[in-house]
Amino acid sequence: GLLRGLDRSGRVVLSVAAVLAALTTVAWRQSSARGTMKALTDVERQIELARDEREDLARKLMVMEGRNWILEEAERRLRLRSPREAELQFLPGVGP
């Protein structure tokens, strides 16, 4: 085999090189795994922020769909208001 043709010092050098190669491979894999875990953590954080934003927007939408908000905005933006009772006139024979 390969090791039989080498003297003792050659086998030691080859063994040390093999151990160093294995350690380098392990270090590279751990570094790669750390990078992947960091990327995964970043994506999970972004997903959580997006969920929070979606919930916030859903709450705002519920408020904006409400009658009170619509009336307030109509008054503020368009200067519209609900009629007072004295301003209402009901016509006979006309109904919903």
C-alpha atoms as a PDB file:
ATOM      1  CA  GLY A   1       0.000   0.000   0.000  1.00  0.00           C
ATOM      2  CA  LEU A   2       0.857   3.650   0.020  1.00  0.00           C
ATOM      3  CA  LEU A   3       2.193   3.727   3.578  1.00  0.00           C
ATOM      4  CA  ARG A   4       4.488   0.657   3.117  1.00  0.00           C
ATOM      5  CA  GLY A   5       6.694   2.496   0.650  1.00  0.00           C
ATOM      6  CA  LEU A   6       7.270   5.374   3.088  1.00  0.00           C
ATOM      7  CA  ASP A   7       9.711   5.439   5.955  1.00  0.00           C
ATOM      8  CA  ARG A   8       8.606   6.352   9.466  1.00  0.00           C
ATOM      9  CA  SER A   9       9.025  10.132   9.037  1.00  0.00           C
ATOM     10  CA  GLY A  10       7.096  10.031   5.764  1.00  0.00           C
ATOM     11  CA  ARG A  11       4.226   8.221   7.464  1.00  0.00           C
ATOM     12  CA  VAL A  12       4.211  10.785  10.288  1.00  0.00           C
ATOM     13  CA  VAL A  13       4.123  13.662   7.793  1.00  0.00           C
ATOM     14  CA  LEU A  14       1.327  11.988   5.831  1.00  0.00           C
ATOM     15  CA  SER A  15      -0.639  11.276   9.029  1.00  0.00           C
ATOM     16  CA  VAL A  16      -0.255  14.873  10.250  1.00  0.00           C
ATOM     17  CA  ALA A  17      -1.354  16.142   6.834  1.00  0.00           C
ATOM     18  CA  ALA A  18      -4.414  13.865   6.941  1.00  0.00           C
ATOM     19  CA  VAL A  19      -5.331  15.074  10.452  1.00  0.00           C
ATOM     20  CA  LEU A  20      -4.882  18.716   9.397  1.00  0.00           C
ATOM     21  CA  ALA A  21      -7.052  18.124   6.323  1.00  0.00           C
ATOM     22  CA  ALA A  22      -9.751  16.541   8.494  1.00  0.00           C
ATOM     23  CA  LEU A  23      -9.603  19.397  11.017  1.00  0.00           C
ATOM     24  CA  THR A  24      -9.761  21.962   8.214  1.00  0.00           C
ATOM     25  CA  THR A  25     -12.814  20.216   6.781  1.00  0.00           C
ATOM     26  CA  VAL A  26     -14.521  20.155  10.186  1.00  0.00           C
ATOM     27  CA  ALA A  27     -13.727  23.837  10.778  1.00  0.00           C
ATOM     28  CA  TRP A  28     -15.063  24.748   7.330  1.00  0.00           C
ATOM     29  CA  ARG A  29     -18.270  22.771   7.904  1.00  0.00           C
ATOM     30  CA  GLN A  30     -18.810  24.400  11.310  1.00  0.00           C
ATOM     31  CA  SER A  31     -18.200  27.836   9.832  1.00  0.00           C
ATOM     32  CA  SER A  32     -20.628  27.081   7.029  1.00  0.00           C
ATOM     33  CA  ALA A  33     -23.206  25.825   9.540  1.00  0.00           C
ATOM     34  CA  ARG A  34     -22.802  29.000  11.629  1.00  0.00           C
ATOM     35  CA  GLY A  35     -23.358  31.121   8.531  1.00  0.00           C
ATOM     36  CA  THR A  36     -26.440  29.115   7.636  1.00  0.00           C
ATOM     37  CA  MET A  37     -27.811  29.408  11.180  1.00  0.00           C
ATOM     38  CA  LYS A  38     -27.237  33.175  11.157  1.00  0.00           C
ATOM     39  CA  ALA A  39     -29.044  33.456   7.820  1.00  0.00           C
ATOM     40  CA  LEU A  40     -31.906  31.337   9.197  1.00  0.00           C
ATOM     41  CA  THR A  41     -32.125  33.506  12.319  1.00  0.00           C
ATOM     42  CA  ASP A  42     -32.194  36.643  10.157  1.00  0.00           C
ATOM     43  CA  VAL A  43     -35.007  35.226   8.007  1.00  0.00           C
ATOM     44  CA  GLU A  44     -36.996  34.197  11.100  1.00  0.00           C
ATOM     45  CA  ARG A  45     -36.582  37.725  12.502  1.00  0.00           C
ATOM     46  CA  GLN A  46     -37.782  39.232   9.210  1.00  0.00           C
ATOM     47  CA  ILE A  47     -40.800  36.913   9.188  1.00  0.00           C
ATOM     48  CA  GLU A  48     -41.677  37.945  12.758  1.00  0.00           C
ATOM     49  CA  LEU A  49     -41.386  41.635  11.833  1.00  0.00           C
ATOM     50  CA  ALA A  50     -43.584  41.074   8.770  1.00  0.00           C
ATOM     51  CA  ARG A  51     -46.200  39.302  10.914  1.00  0.00           C
ATOM     52  CA  ASP A  52     -46.173  42.153  13.434  1.00  0.00           C
ATOM     53  CA  GLU A  53     -46.545  44.677  10.623  1.00  0.00           C
ATOM     54  CA  ARG A  54     -49.411  42.689   9.098  1.00  0.00           C
ATOM     55  CA  GLU A  55     -51.227  42.580  12.455  1.00  0.00           C
ATOM     56  CA  ASP A  56     -50.686  46.319  12.896  1.00  0.00           C
ATOM     57  CA  LEU A  57     -52.061  47.008   9.418  1.00  0.00           C
ATOM     58  CA  ALA A  58     -55.068  44.750  10.087  1.00  0.00           C
ATOM     59  CA  ARG A  59     -55.844  46.734  13.264  1.00  0.00           C
ATOM     60  CA  LYS A  60     -55.517  50.037  11.403  1.00  0.00           C
ATOM     61  CA  LEU A  61     -57.766  48.739   8.633  1.00  0.00           C
ATOM     62  CA  MET A  62     -60.441  47.726  11.146  1.00  0.00           C
ATOM     63  CA  VAL A  63     -60.362  51.242  12.605  1.00  0.00           C
ATOM     64  CA  MET A  64     -60.514  52.840   9.146  1.00  0.00           C
ATOM     65  CA  GLU A  65     -63.474  50.696   8.138  1.00  0.00           C
ATOM     66  CA  GLY A  66     -65.405  51.836  11.210  1.00  0.00           C
ATOM     67  CA  ARG A  67     -68.201  54.369  10.976  1.00  0.00           C
ATOM     68  CA  ASN A  68     -66.667  56.738  13.531  1.00  0.00           C
ATOM     69  CA  TRP A  69     -63.398  57.052  11.619  1.00  0.00           C
ATOM     70  CA  ILE A  70     -65.199  57.555   8.308  1.00  0.00           C
ATOM     71  CA  LEU A  71     -67.401  60.295   9.774  1.00  0.00           C
ATOM     72  CA  GLU A  72     -64.416  62.044  11.369  1.00  0.00           C
ATOM     73  CA  GLU A  73     -62.419  61.939   8.132  1.00  0.00           C
ATOM     74  CA  ALA A  74     -65.386  63.120   6.046  1.00  0.00           C
ATOM     75  CA  GLU A  75     -65.744  66.091   8.365  1.00  0.00           C
ATOM     76  CA  ARG A  76     -62.025  66.826   8.475  1.00  0.00           C
ATOM     77  CA  ARG A  77     -61.225  66.375   4.775  1.00  0.00           C
ATOM     78  CA  LEU A  78     -64.483  67.298   3.066  1.00  0.00           C
ATOM     79  CA  ARG A  79     -66.140  69.406   5.757  1.00  0.00           C
ATOM     80  CA  LEU A  80     -69.125  67.073   5.700  1.00  0.00           C
ATOM     81  CA  ARG A  81     -71.168  66.327   8.776  1.00  0.00           C
ATOM     82  CA  SER A  82     -74.174  64.264   9.700  1.00  0.00           C
ATOM     83  CA  PRO A  83     -77.419  66.240   9.412  1.00  0.00           C
ATOM     84  CA  ARG A  84     -79.065  67.465  12.582  1.00  0.00           C
ATOM     85  CA  GLU A  85     -82.599  66.342  13.297  1.00  0.00           C
ATOM     86  CA  ALA A  86     -84.020  69.754  12.349  1.00  0.00           C
ATOM     87  CA  GLU A  87     -82.343  69.456   8.934  1.00  0.00           C
ATOM     88  CA  LEU A  88     -84.007  66.145   8.065  1.00  0.00           C
ATOM     89  CA  GLN A  89     -87.172  66.121   5.988  1.00  0.00           C
ATOM     90  CA  PHE A  90     -89.081  62.961   5.275  1.00  0.00           C
ATOM     91  CA  LEU A  91     -91.165  62.956   2.134  1.00  0.00           C
ATOM     92  CA  PRO A  92     -94.477  61.091   2.203  1.00  0.00           C
ATOM     93  CA  GLY A  93     -94.635  57.947   0.114  1.00  0.00           C
ATOM     94  CA  VAL A  94     -90.869  57.694  -0.257  1.00  0.00           C
ATOM     95  CA  GLY A  95     -89.140  55.085   1.795  1.00  0.00           C
ATOM     96  CA  PRO A  96     -86.426  52.489   1.789  1.00  0.00           C
END
